[in-house]
Amino acid sequence: MENLTRRTFLLQSSAGAALLAAPSFLKAGSAKRALGIQLYTVLADMKRDAPGTLNALGKIGYQYVEAYDLGGQTPAQFRQALDDAGLKCPSTHGNYSGADPTPQFDAALAIGARYAVSSMLMTSVVADGPDHYGAHSDLTEDVFKKMAALANAIGAKAKKAGIQYVYHNHNFEFMKFADGRTGYQVVLNETDPELVKLELDCGWMAVAGANPADYLHAYHGRYRILHVKDFLPVKGPTTALFGPGRPTGTELGRGYIDYMPIFAAAEVSGVEYYLSEQEPPFTDMTPLEAARVNYEYMLSI
């Protein structure tokens, strides 16, 4: 024990516990679910060495990645790096709210993506977007209606380009109006289910006080991708993305979110991809080491 660094010990103990908990058929590597990672987790590594980072993720065991930054590579170069690492990229995050998102859709298709996911739509419908992340006291129902209308418009353009548009949530959507409804409910109810599929960020939803399993059951067939994310325990629901109310990210299994019921609900709800994602900063291990812990946790379920 004394020969192990704290970081290495945490990595080995977390991964080991996950493997011990895994059923024997999962230990053999025949996981039923499509396990992947959102590349935001390893953003700094991608910027330094995209091919090397993708290769490292493939060696961990990941089958899929969700693009966030191509590490300075062209779509063709990125696609080749994926092939070399034995990975596939079924989805990619981007800002598709411009007048003509077609070039971004074309780039997504070029790297093999089937889904084009909005990282954030709020900044496109409010004048001073990022300033709303902390308090957003004036994010009215009308703002979320505008977000829903924008999502429908992007979805129609994506369909024409031959790709499926997907809306990704954070926690701010779960701020409540006077009648008890949330902005997320407005977005879900006012978007076309065929034009706008959903990526459920379980971590952000949970810290906002909502239950991912409930939404998976209630909106059967709309959720195609999960972001599997954990946070340290929070004192109470928070819809703050920045500032003192922002929760602290951690490796899967080291926070408080129970993924057993979430994965069970996802299994019957039409979810196709399970992508680990971790919010920085990384304190006890490197992002790639955390990626391994997160993979082993998902495999154990």
C-alpha atoms as a PDB file:
ATOM      1  CA  MET A   1       0.000   0.000   0.000  1.00  0.00           C
ATOM      2  CA  GLU A   2       2.732   2.465   0.863  1.00  0.00           C
ATOM      3  CA  ASN A   3       4.165   2.054  -2.621  1.00  0.00           C
ATOM      4  CA  LEU A   4       0.974   3.279  -4.255  1.00  0.00           C
ATOM      5  CA  THR A   5       0.265   6.928  -4.852  1.00  0.00           C
ATOM      6  CA  ARG A   6      -3.113   8.170  -3.670  1.00  0.00           C
ATOM      7  CA  ARG A   7      -4.170   8.641  -7.276  1.00  0.00           C
ATOM      8  CA  THR A   8      -3.163   5.117  -8.320  1.00  0.00           C
ATOM      9  CA  PHE A   9      -4.782   3.588  -5.257  1.00  0.00           C
ATOM     10  CA  LEU A  10      -8.081   5.337  -5.938  1.00  0.00           C
ATOM     11  CA  LEU A  11      -7.978   4.254  -9.551  1.00  0.00           C
ATOM     12  CA  GLN A  12      -7.236   0.627  -8.776  1.00  0.00           C
ATOM     13  CA  SER A  13      -9.657   0.336  -5.862  1.00  0.00           C
ATOM     14  CA  SER A  14     -12.535   1.951  -7.757  1.00  0.00           C
ATOM     15  CA  ALA A  15     -12.024  -0.158 -10.840  1.00  0.00           C
ATOM     16  CA  GLY A  16     -11.501  -3.288  -8.786  1.00  0.00           C
ATOM     17  CA  ALA A  17     -14.701  -2.787  -6.829  1.00  0.00           C
ATOM     18  CA  ALA A  18     -16.621  -2.345 -10.060  1.00  0.00           C
ATOM     19  CA  LEU A  19     -15.239  -5.568 -11.509  1.00  0.00           C
ATOM     20  CA  LEU A  20     -15.938  -7.532  -8.344  1.00  0.00           C
ATOM     21  CA  ALA A  21     -19.542  -6.391  -8.499  1.00  0.00           C
ATOM     22  CA  ALA A  22     -19.955  -7.354 -12.152  1.00  0.00           C
ATOM     23  CA  PRO A  23     -21.803 -10.514 -13.210  1.00  0.00           C
ATOM     24  CA  SER A  24     -19.505 -13.142 -14.699  1.00  0.00           C
ATOM     25  CA  PHE A  25     -20.730 -12.627 -18.259  1.00  0.00           C
ATOM     26  CA  LEU A  26     -19.845  -8.932 -18.026  1.00  0.00           C
ATOM     27  CA  LYS A  27     -16.413  -9.720 -16.623  1.00  0.00           C
ATOM     28  CA  ALA A  28     -15.846 -11.722 -19.768  1.00  0.00           C
ATOM     29  CA  GLY A  29     -16.365  -8.558 -21.786  1.00  0.00           C
ATOM     30  CA  SER A  30     -19.734  -9.325 -23.418  1.00  0.00           C
ATOM     31  CA  ALA A  31     -21.620  -6.261 -22.212  1.00  0.00           C
ATOM     32  CA  LYS A  32     -25.106  -5.920 -23.660  1.00  0.00           C
ATOM     33  CA  ARG A  33     -25.089  -2.150 -23.736  1.00  0.00           C
ATOM     34  CA  ALA A  34     -23.202   0.098 -26.118  1.00  0.00           C
ATOM     35  CA  LEU A  35     -20.686   1.771 -23.808  1.00  0.00           C
ATOM     36  CA  GLY A  36     -19.004   4.984 -24.842  1.00  0.00           C
ATOM     37  CA  ILE A  37     -17.634   8.299 -23.629  1.00  0.00           C
ATOM     38  CA  GLN A  38     -18.298  11.968 -24.357  1.00  0.00           C
ATOM     39  CA  LEU A  39     -14.924  13.360 -25.397  1.00  0.00           C
ATOM     40  CA  TYR A  40     -15.441  16.508 -23.318  1.00  0.00           C
ATOM     41  CA  THR A  41     -14.170  14.333 -20.456  1.00  0.00           C
ATOM     42  CA  VAL A  42     -10.730  14.132 -22.072  1.00  0.00           C
ATOM     43  CA  LEU A  43     -10.806  17.490 -23.845  1.00  0.00           C
ATOM     44  CA  ALA A  44      -7.269  18.545 -22.889  1.00  0.00           C
ATOM     45  CA  ASP A  45      -5.876  15.177 -24.005  1.00  0.00           C
ATOM     46  CA  MET A  46      -7.739  15.441 -27.309  1.00  0.00           C
ATOM     47  CA  LYS A  47      -6.242  18.862 -27.974  1.00  0.00           C
ATOM     48  CA  ARG A  48      -2.728  17.542 -27.287  1.00  0.00           C
ATOM     49  CA  ASP A  49      -2.952  14.228 -29.138  1.00  0.00           C
ATOM     50  CA  ALA A  50      -6.304  13.217 -30.582  1.00  0.00           C
ATOM     51  CA  PRO A  51      -5.201   9.923 -32.211  1.00  0.00           C
ATOM     52  CA  GLY A  52      -3.307   8.848 -29.088  1.00  0.00           C
ATOM     53  CA  THR A  53      -6.248   9.706 -26.835  1.00  0.00           C
ATOM     54  CA  LEU A  54      -8.719   7.783 -28.989  1.00  0.00           C
ATOM     55  CA  ASN A  55      -6.367   4.821 -29.015  1.00  0.00           C
ATOM     56  CA  ALA A  56      -6.121   4.931 -25.213  1.00  0.00           C
ATOM     57  CA  LEU A  57      -9.922   4.982 -24.889  1.00  0.00           C
ATOM     58  CA  GLY A  58     -10.216   1.987 -27.179  1.00  0.00           C
ATOM     59  CA  LYS A  59      -7.700   0.075 -25.070  1.00  0.00           C
ATOM     60  CA  ILE A  60      -9.766   0.821 -21.949  1.00  0.00           C
ATOM     61  CA  GLY A  61     -12.656  -0.969 -23.626  1.00  0.00           C
ATOM     62  CA  TYR A  62     -14.862   1.804 -24.918  1.00  0.00           C
ATOM     63  CA  GLN A  63     -16.683   1.006 -28.140  1.00  0.00           C
ATOM     64  CA  TYR A  64     -18.062   4.459 -28.906  1.00  0.00           C
ATOM     65  CA  VAL A  65     -17.203   8.118 -28.489  1.00  0.00           C
ATOM     66  CA  GLU A  66     -19.320  11.216 -28.765  1.00  0.00           C
ATOM     67  CA  ALA A  67     -17.401  14.005 -30.461  1.00  0.00           C
ATOM     68  CA  TYR A  68     -17.040  17.390 -28.815  1.00  0.00           C
ATOM     69  CA  ASP A  69     -13.751  18.636 -30.215  1.00  0.00           C
ATOM     70  CA  LEU A  70     -11.870  16.969 -33.055  1.00  0.00           C
ATOM     71  CA  GLY A  71      -8.509  17.961 -31.631  1.00  0.00           C
ATOM     72  CA  GLY A  72      -7.614  20.114 -34.609  1.00  0.00           C
ATOM     73  CA  GLN A  73      -8.243  17.319 -37.095  1.00  0.00           C
ATOM     74  CA  THR A  74     -10.367  17.391 -40.208  1.00  0.00           C
ATOM     75  CA  PRO A  75     -13.417  15.103 -40.246  1.00  0.00           C
ATOM     76  CA  ALA A  76     -11.534  12.723 -42.567  1.00  0.00           C
ATOM     77  CA  GLN A  77      -8.506  12.623 -40.243  1.00  0.00           C
ATOM     78  CA  PHE A  78     -10.744  12.118 -37.222  1.00  0.00           C
ATOM     79  CA  ARG A  79     -12.595   9.288 -38.950  1.00  0.00           C
ATOM     80  CA  GLN A  80      -9.274   7.597 -39.725  1.00  0.00           C
ATOM     81  CA  ALA A  81      -8.167   7.987 -36.092  1.00  0.00           C
ATOM     82  CA  LEU A  82     -11.434   6.392 -34.984  1.00  0.00           C
ATOM     83  CA  ASP A  83     -10.902   3.471 -37.352  1.00  0.00           C
ATOM     84  CA  ASP A  84      -7.333   3.011 -36.134  1.00  0.00           C
ATOM     85  CA  ALA A  85      -8.543   2.930 -32.512  1.00  0.00           C
ATOM     86  CA  GLY A  86     -11.405   0.543 -33.268  1.00  0.00           C
ATOM     87  CA  LEU A  87     -14.013   3.124 -32.237  1.00  0.00           C
ATOM     88  CA  LYS A  88     -17.243   4.449 -33.701  1.00  0.00           C
ATOM     89  CA  CYS A  89     -18.744   7.910 -33.260  1.00  0.00           C
ATOM     90  CA  PRO A  90     -22.553   7.704 -33.397  1.00  0.00           C
ATOM     91  CA  SER A  91     -23.152  11.252 -32.120  1.00  0.00           C
ATOM     92  CA  THR A  92     -21.491  14.634 -31.969  1.00  0.00           C
ATOM     93  CA  HIS A  93     -22.108  17.804 -29.992  1.00  0.00           C
ATOM     94  CA  GLY A  94     -22.212  21.175 -31.683  1.00  0.00           C
ATOM     95  CA  ASN A  95     -23.921  24.527 -31.993  1.00  0.00           C
ATOM     96  CA  TYR A  96     -26.440  24.045 -34.761  1.00  0.00           C
ATOM     97  CA  SER A  97     -28.449  27.210 -34.197  1.00  0.00           C
ATOM     98  CA  GLY A  98     -26.819  29.259 -36.958  1.00  0.00           C
ATOM     99  CA  ALA A  99     -28.565  30.273 -40.142  1.00  0.00           C
ATOM    100  CA  ASP A 100     -27.159  27.270 -42.010  1.00  0.00           C
ATOM    101  CA  PRO A 101     -26.038  24.324 -39.872  1.00  0.00           C
ATOM    102  CA  THR A 102     -25.704  22.081 -42.934  1.00  0.00           C
ATOM    103  CA  PRO A 103     -21.865  22.192 -43.003  1.00  0.00           C
ATOM    104  CA  GLN A 104     -21.831  20.970 -39.397  1.00  0.00           C
ATOM    105  CA  PHE A 105     -24.273  18.203 -40.254  1.00  0.00           C
ATOM    106  CA  ASP A 106     -22.089  17.201 -43.187  1.00  0.00           C
ATOM    107  CA  ALA A 107     -19.028  17.083 -40.906  1.00  0.00           C
ATOM    108  CA  ALA A 108     -20.940  14.945 -38.404  1.00  0.00           C
ATOM    109  CA  LEU A 109     -21.943  12.512 -41.129  1.00  0.00           C
ATOM    110  CA  ALA A 110     -18.352  12.390 -42.368  1.00  0.00           C
ATOM    111  CA  ILE A 111     -17.119  11.046 -39.029  1.00  0.00           C
ATOM    112  CA  GLY A 112     -19.884   8.443 -38.968  1.00  0.00           C
ATOM    113  CA  ALA A 113     -22.405  10.145 -36.683  1.00  0.00           C
ATOM    114  CA  ARG A 114     -26.112   9.394 -36.826  1.00  0.00           C
ATOM    115  CA  TYR A 115     -27.073  12.016 -34.250  1.00  0.00           C
ATOM    116  CA  ALA A 116     -26.321  15.749 -34.101  1.00  0.00           C
ATOM    117  CA  VAL A 117     -26.696  16.912 -30.505  1.00  0.00           C
ATOM    118  CA  SER A 118     -27.037  20.511 -29.311  1.00  0.00           C
ATOM    119  CA  SER A 119     -24.667  21.204 -26.455  1.00  0.00           C
ATOM    120  CA  MET A 120     -26.713  24.265 -25.477  1.00  0.00           C
ATOM    121  CA  LEU A 121     -29.627  26.198 -26.987  1.00  0.00           C
ATOM    122  CA  MET A 122     -30.230  28.749 -24.255  1.00  0.00           C
ATOM    123  CA  THR A 123     -27.446  31.034 -25.449  1.00  0.00           C
ATOM    124  CA  SER A 124     -29.183  31.326 -28.808  1.00  0.00           C
ATOM    125  CA  VAL A 125     -32.476  32.670 -27.477  1.00  0.00           C
ATOM    126  CA  VAL A 126     -31.360  35.051 -24.707  1.00  0.00           C
ATOM    127  CA  ALA A 127     -29.359  38.221 -25.198  1.00  0.00           C
ATOM    128  CA  ASP A 128     -26.631  37.546 -22.625  1.00  0.00           C
ATOM    129  CA  GLY A 129     -26.667  33.743 -22.523  1.00  0.00           C
ATOM    130  CA  PRO A 130     -23.766  32.784 -20.232  1.00  0.00           C
ATOM    131  CA  ASP A 131     -24.785  35.396 -17.655  1.00  0.00           C
ATOM    132  CA  HIS A 132     -27.896  33.330 -17.033  1.00  0.00           C
ATOM    133  CA  TYR A 133     -26.023  30.194 -16.011  1.00  0.00           C
ATOM    134  CA  GLY A 134     -25.749  31.125 -12.357  1.00  0.00           C
ATOM    135  CA  ALA A 135     -29.099  32.663 -11.454  1.00  0.00           C
ATOM    136  CA  HIS A 136     -31.229  32.846 -14.638  1.00  0.00           C
ATOM    137  CA  SER A 137     -34.074  34.421 -12.682  1.00  0.00           C
ATOM    138  CA  ASP A 138     -35.579  35.760 -15.895  1.00  0.00           C
ATOM    139  CA  LEU A 139     -35.618  32.499 -17.852  1.00  0.00           C
ATOM    140  CA  THR A 140     -39.341  32.664 -18.420  1.00  0.00           C
ATOM    141  CA  GLU A 141     -41.655  30.132 -19.983  1.00  0.00           C
ATOM    142  CA  ASP A 142     -41.412  32.159 -23.181  1.00  0.00           C
ATOM    143  CA  VAL A 143     -37.652  31.561 -23.321  1.00  0.00           C
ATOM    144  CA  PHE A 144     -38.202  27.801 -23.235  1.00  0.00           C
ATOM    145  CA  LYS A 145     -40.928  28.080 -25.872  1.00  0.00           C
ATOM    146  CA  LYS A 146     -38.396  29.843 -28.101  1.00  0.00           C
ATOM    147  CA  MET A 147     -35.876  27.090 -27.384  1.00  0.00           C
ATOM    148  CA  ALA A 148     -38.443  24.471 -28.389  1.00  0.00           C
ATOM    149  CA  ALA A 149     -39.240  26.341 -31.612  1.00  0.00           C
ATOM    150  CA  LEU A 150     -35.535  26.583 -32.405  1.00  0.00           C
ATOM    151  CA  ALA A 151     -35.072  22.873 -31.713  1.00  0.00           C
ATOM    152  CA  ASN A 152     -37.894  22.045 -34.136  1.00  0.00           C
ATOM    153  CA  ALA A 153     -36.328  24.250 -36.802  1.00  0.00           C
ATOM    154  CA  ILE A 154     -32.907  22.625 -36.341  1.00  0.00           C
ATOM    155  CA  GLY A 155     -34.539  19.207 -36.373  1.00  0.00           C
ATOM    156  CA  ALA A 156     -36.193  19.925 -39.721  1.00  0.00           C
ATOM    157  CA  LYS A 157     -32.877  21.039 -41.227  1.00  0.00           C
ATOM    158  CA  ALA A 158     -31.141  17.972 -39.819  1.00  0.00           C
ATOM    159  CA  LYS A 159     -33.748  15.664 -41.318  1.00  0.00           C
ATOM    160  CA  LYS A 160     -33.212  17.284 -44.707  1.00  0.00           C
ATOM    161  CA  ALA A 161     -29.456  16.743 -44.316  1.00  0.00           C
ATOM    162  CA  GLY A 162     -29.944  13.063 -43.449  1.00  0.00           C
ATOM    163  CA  ILE A 163     -29.139  13.134 -39.738  1.00  0.00           C
ATOM    164  CA  GLN A 164     -31.241  13.049 -36.552  1.00  0.00           C
ATOM    165  CA  TYR A 165     -31.201  16.098 -34.294  1.00  0.00           C
ATOM    166  CA  VAL A 166     -31.027  15.532 -30.515  1.00  0.00           C
ATOM    167  CA  TYR A 167     -31.594  17.904 -27.579  1.00  0.00           C
ATOM    168  CA  HIS A 168     -29.262  17.610 -24.572  1.00  0.00           C
ATOM    169  CA  ASN A 169     -30.283  18.875 -21.141  1.00  0.00           C
ATOM    170  CA  HIS A 170     -28.340  20.550 -18.354  1.00  0.00           C
ATOM    171  CA  ASN A 171     -29.835  21.400 -14.969  1.00  0.00           C
ATOM    172  CA  PHE A 172     -31.181  24.897 -15.663  1.00  0.00           C
ATOM    173  CA  GLU A 173     -34.140  23.464 -17.601  1.00  0.00           C
ATOM    174  CA  PHE A 174     -35.555  22.209 -14.306  1.00  0.00           C
ATOM    175  CA  MET A 175     -36.145  25.619 -12.770  1.00  0.00           C
ATOM    176  CA  LYS A 176     -39.809  25.758 -11.807  1.00  0.00           C
ATOM    177  CA  PHE A 177     -42.419  28.288 -12.814  1.00  0.00           C
ATOM    178  CA  ALA A 178     -45.182  29.501 -10.510  1.00  0.00           C
ATOM    179  CA  ASP A 179     -47.467  26.639 -11.564  1.00  0.00           C
ATOM    180  CA  GLY A 180     -44.827  24.022 -10.687  1.00  0.00           C
ATOM    181  CA  ARG A 181     -43.945  23.112 -14.269  1.00  0.00           C
ATOM    182  CA  THR A 182     -40.359  23.201 -15.470  1.00  0.00           C
ATOM    183  CA  GLY A 183     -38.687  24.588 -18.540  1.00  0.00           C
ATOM    184  CA  TYR A 184     -37.782  21.046 -19.530  1.00  0.00           C
ATOM    185  CA  GLN A 185     -41.430  20.076 -19.646  1.00  0.00           C
ATOM    186  CA  VAL A 186     -42.073  23.007 -21.981  1.00  0.00           C
ATOM    187  CA  VAL A 187     -39.270  21.861 -24.291  1.00  0.00           C
ATOM    188  CA  LEU A 188     -40.477  18.247 -24.298  1.00  0.00           C
ATOM    189  CA  ASN A 189     -44.122  19.103 -24.879  1.00  0.00           C
ATOM    190  CA  GLU A 190     -43.508  21.668 -27.624  1.00  0.00           C
ATOM    191  CA  THR A 191     -40.968  19.790 -29.729  1.00  0.00           C
ATOM    192  CA  ASP A 192     -41.860  17.363 -32.485  1.00  0.00           C
ATOM    193  CA  PRO A 193     -40.934  13.841 -31.275  1.00  0.00           C
ATOM    194  CA  GLU A 194     -39.790  12.879 -34.759  1.00  0.00           C
ATOM    195  CA  LEU A 195     -37.644  15.943 -35.374  1.00  0.00           C
ATOM    196  CA  VAL A 196     -36.231  16.231 -31.848  1.00  0.00           C
ATOM    197  CA  LYS A 197     -34.941  13.162 -30.037  1.00  0.00           C
ATOM    198  CA  LEU A 198     -33.355  13.436 -26.606  1.00  0.00           C
ATOM    199  CA  GLU A 199     -30.028  12.874 -24.897  1.00  0.00           C
ATOM    200  CA  LEU A 200     -30.603  12.504 -21.181  1.00  0.00           C
ATOM    201  CA  ASP A 201     -27.787  13.901 -19.056  1.00  0.00           C
ATOM    202  CA  CYS A 202     -28.599  11.917 -15.938  1.00  0.00           C
ATOM    203  CA  GLY A 203     -26.195  13.807 -13.691  1.00  0.00           C
ATOM    204  CA  TRP A 204     -27.488  17.280 -14.468  1.00  0.00           C
ATOM    205  CA  MET A 205     -31.085  16.085 -14.225  1.00  0.00           C
ATOM    206  CA  ALA A 206     -30.483  14.409 -10.853  1.00  0.00           C
ATOM    207  CA  VAL A 207     -28.802  17.406  -9.197  1.00  0.00           C
ATOM    208  CA  ALA A 208     -31.781  19.518 -10.284  1.00  0.00           C
ATOM    209  CA  GLY A 209     -34.053  17.237  -8.254  1.00  0.00           C
ATOM    210  CA  ALA A 210     -35.595  15.189 -11.082  1.00  0.00           C
ATOM    211  CA  ASN A 211     -35.512  11.416 -11.527  1.00  0.00           C
ATOM    212  CA  PRO A 212     -34.016  10.214 -14.842  1.00  0.00           C
ATOM    213  CA  ALA A 213     -35.804   6.860 -14.599  1.00  0.00           C
ATOM    214  CA  ASP A 214     -39.167   8.622 -14.390  1.00  0.00           C
ATOM    215  CA  TYR A 215     -38.490  10.552 -17.591  1.00  0.00           C
ATOM    216  CA  LEU A 216     -37.266   7.458 -19.406  1.00  0.00           C
ATOM    217  CA  HIS A 217     -40.535   5.715 -18.575  1.00  0.00           C
ATOM    218  CA  ALA A 218     -42.727   8.723 -19.338  1.00  0.00           C
ATOM    219  CA  TYR A 219     -41.160   9.533 -22.725  1.00  0.00           C
ATOM    220  CA  HIS A 220     -40.629   6.059 -24.076  1.00  0.00           C
ATOM    221  CA  GLY A 221     -38.803   6.062 -27.399  1.00  0.00           C
ATOM    222  CA  ARG A 222     -37.599   9.666 -27.336  1.00  0.00           C
ATOM    223  CA  TYR A 223     -34.345   9.128 -25.451  1.00  0.00           C
ATOM    224  CA  ARG A 224     -31.608   7.680 -27.634  1.00  0.00           C
ATOM    225  CA  ILE A 225     -28.479   8.486 -25.617  1.00  0.00           C
ATOM    226  CA  LEU A 226     -27.594   8.683 -21.922  1.00  0.00           C
ATOM    227  CA  HIS A 227     -24.872  10.801 -20.385  1.00  0.00           C
ATOM    228  CA  VAL A 228     -23.788   8.761 -17.387  1.00  0.00           C
ATOM    229  CA  LYS A 229     -22.415  11.325 -14.944  1.00  0.00           C
ATOM    230  CA  ASP A 230     -21.947  11.525 -11.186  1.00  0.00           C
ATOM    231  CA  PHE A 231     -21.669  14.340  -8.675  1.00  0.00           C
ATOM    232  CA  LEU A 232     -20.701  14.564  -5.037  1.00  0.00           C
ATOM    233  CA  PRO A 233     -23.772  14.825  -2.789  1.00  0.00           C
ATOM    234  CA  VAL A 234     -25.600  18.159  -2.990  1.00  0.00           C
ATOM    235  CA  LYS A 235     -27.414  19.892  -0.139  1.00  0.00           C
ATOM    236  CA  GLY A 236     -30.512  20.260  -2.231  1.00  0.00           C
ATOM    237  CA  PRO A 237     -31.676  20.586  -5.847  1.00  0.00           C
ATOM    238  CA  THR A 238     -29.657  23.113  -7.832  1.00  0.00           C
ATOM    239  CA  THR A 239     -30.178  24.578 -11.299  1.00  0.00           C
ATOM    240  CA  ALA A 240     -26.929  26.585 -11.240  1.00  0.00           C
ATOM    241  CA  LEU A 241     -24.338  25.763 -13.894  1.00  0.00           C
ATOM    242  CA  PHE A 242     -21.730  28.086 -12.410  1.00  0.00           C
ATOM    243  CA  GLY A 243     -21.026  29.825  -9.140  1.00  0.00           C
ATOM    244  CA  PRO A 244     -21.432  28.527  -5.577  1.00  0.00           C
ATOM    245  CA  GLY A 245     -24.488  26.478  -6.488  1.00  0.00           C
ATOM    246  CA  ARG A 246     -22.689  24.405  -9.106  1.00  0.00           C
ATOM    247  CA  PRO A 247     -22.288  20.769  -7.990  1.00  0.00           C
ATOM    248  CA  THR A 248     -18.891  19.039  -8.006  1.00  0.00           C
ATOM    249  CA  GLY A 249     -18.316  16.297 -10.537  1.00  0.00           C
ATOM    250  CA  THR A 250     -16.672  13.007  -9.627  1.00  0.00           C
ATOM    251  CA  GLU A 251     -16.000   9.528 -10.991  1.00  0.00           C
ATOM    252  CA  LEU A 252     -18.933   7.163 -11.411  1.00  0.00           C
ATOM    253  CA  GLY A 253     -19.611   5.281  -8.203  1.00  0.00           C
ATOM    254  CA  ARG A 254     -17.917   7.912  -6.043  1.00  0.00           C
ATOM    255  CA  GLY A 255     -20.910  10.254  -6.025  1.00  0.00           C
ATOM    256  CA  TYR A 256     -24.490   9.750  -4.959  1.00  0.00           C
ATOM    257  CA  ILE A 257     -26.412   8.878  -8.145  1.00  0.00           C
ATOM    258  CA  ASP A 258     -27.752   5.307  -8.270  1.00  0.00           C
ATOM    259  CA  TYR A 259     -27.600   4.100 -11.861  1.00  0.00           C
ATOM    260  CA  MET A 260     -29.152   0.664 -11.383  1.00  0.00           C
ATOM    261  CA  PRO A 261     -32.771   1.893 -11.750  1.00  0.00           C
ATOM    262  CA  ILE A 262     -31.761   4.372 -14.451  1.00  0.00           C
ATOM    263  CA  PHE A 263     -30.112   1.686 -16.587  1.00  0.00           C
ATOM    264  CA  ALA A 264     -33.076  -0.624 -16.012  1.00  0.00           C
ATOM    265  CA  ALA A 265     -35.457   2.067 -17.272  1.00  0.00           C
ATOM    266  CA  ALA A 266     -33.180   2.885 -20.208  1.00  0.00           C
ATOM    267  CA  GLU A 267     -33.135  -0.774 -21.213  1.00  0.00           C
ATOM    268  CA  VAL A 268     -36.858  -0.714 -22.020  1.00  0.00           C
ATOM    269  CA  SER A 269     -37.083   2.899 -23.179  1.00  0.00           C
ATOM    270  CA  GLY A 270     -35.192   2.672 -26.452  1.00  0.00           C
ATOM    271  CA  VAL A 271     -31.832   4.067 -25.321  1.00  0.00           C
ATOM    272  CA  GLU A 272     -29.079   3.019 -27.712  1.00  0.00           C
ATOM    273  CA  TYR A 273     -25.867   4.462 -26.255  1.00  0.00           C
ATOM    274  CA  TYR A 274     -24.558   4.842 -22.715  1.00  0.00           C
ATOM    275  CA  LEU A 275     -21.842   7.493 -22.619  1.00  0.00           C
ATOM    276  CA  SER A 276     -19.790   8.319 -19.554  1.00  0.00           C
ATOM    277  CA  GLU A 277     -19.052  11.991 -19.016  1.00  0.00           C
ATOM    278  CA  GLN A 278     -17.293  13.658 -16.115  1.00  0.00           C
ATOM    279  CA  GLU A 279     -17.291  17.326 -15.190  1.00  0.00           C
ATOM    280  CA  PRO A 280     -13.898  18.850 -14.297  1.00  0.00           C
ATOM    281  CA  PRO A 281     -11.835  19.514 -12.308  1.00  0.00           C
ATOM    282  CA  PHE A 282     -10.094  16.154 -11.921  1.00  0.00           C
ATOM    283  CA  THR A 283      -8.484  16.061  -8.499  1.00  0.00           C
ATOM    284  CA  ASP A 284      -7.427  12.488  -7.694  1.00  0.00           C
ATOM    285  CA  MET A 285      -6.516  11.156 -11.124  1.00  0.00           C
ATOM    286  CA  THR A 286      -6.019  12.186 -14.721  1.00  0.00           C
ATOM    287  CA  PRO A 287      -8.994  12.377 -17.107  1.00  0.00           C
ATOM    288  CA  LEU A 288      -7.886   9.173 -18.839  1.00  0.00           C
ATOM    289  CA  GLU A 289      -7.579   7.363 -15.517  1.00  0.00           C
ATOM    290  CA  ALA A 290     -11.036   8.630 -14.597  1.00  0.00           C
ATOM    291  CA  ALA A 291     -12.298   7.404 -17.964  1.00  0.00           C
ATOM    292  CA  ARG A 292     -11.145   3.913 -17.012  1.00  0.00           C
ATOM    293  CA  VAL A 293     -12.894   4.043 -13.616  1.00  0.00           C
ATOM    294  CA  ASN A 294     -16.068   5.267 -15.302  1.00  0.00           C
ATOM    295  CA  TYR A 295     -15.945   2.503 -17.899  1.00  0.00           C
ATOM    296  CA  GLU A 296     -15.506  -0.189 -15.260  1.00  0.00           C
ATOM    297  CA  TYR A 297     -18.435   1.224 -13.279  1.00  0.00           C
ATOM    298  CA  MET A 298     -20.745   1.137 -16.296  1.00  0.00           C
ATOM    299  CA  LEU A 299     -19.563  -2.372 -17.149  1.00  0.00           C
ATOM    300  CA  SER A 300     -20.399  -3.511 -13.612  1.00  0.00           C
ATOM    301  CA  ILE A 301     -24.040  -2.540 -14.100  1.00  0.00           C
END
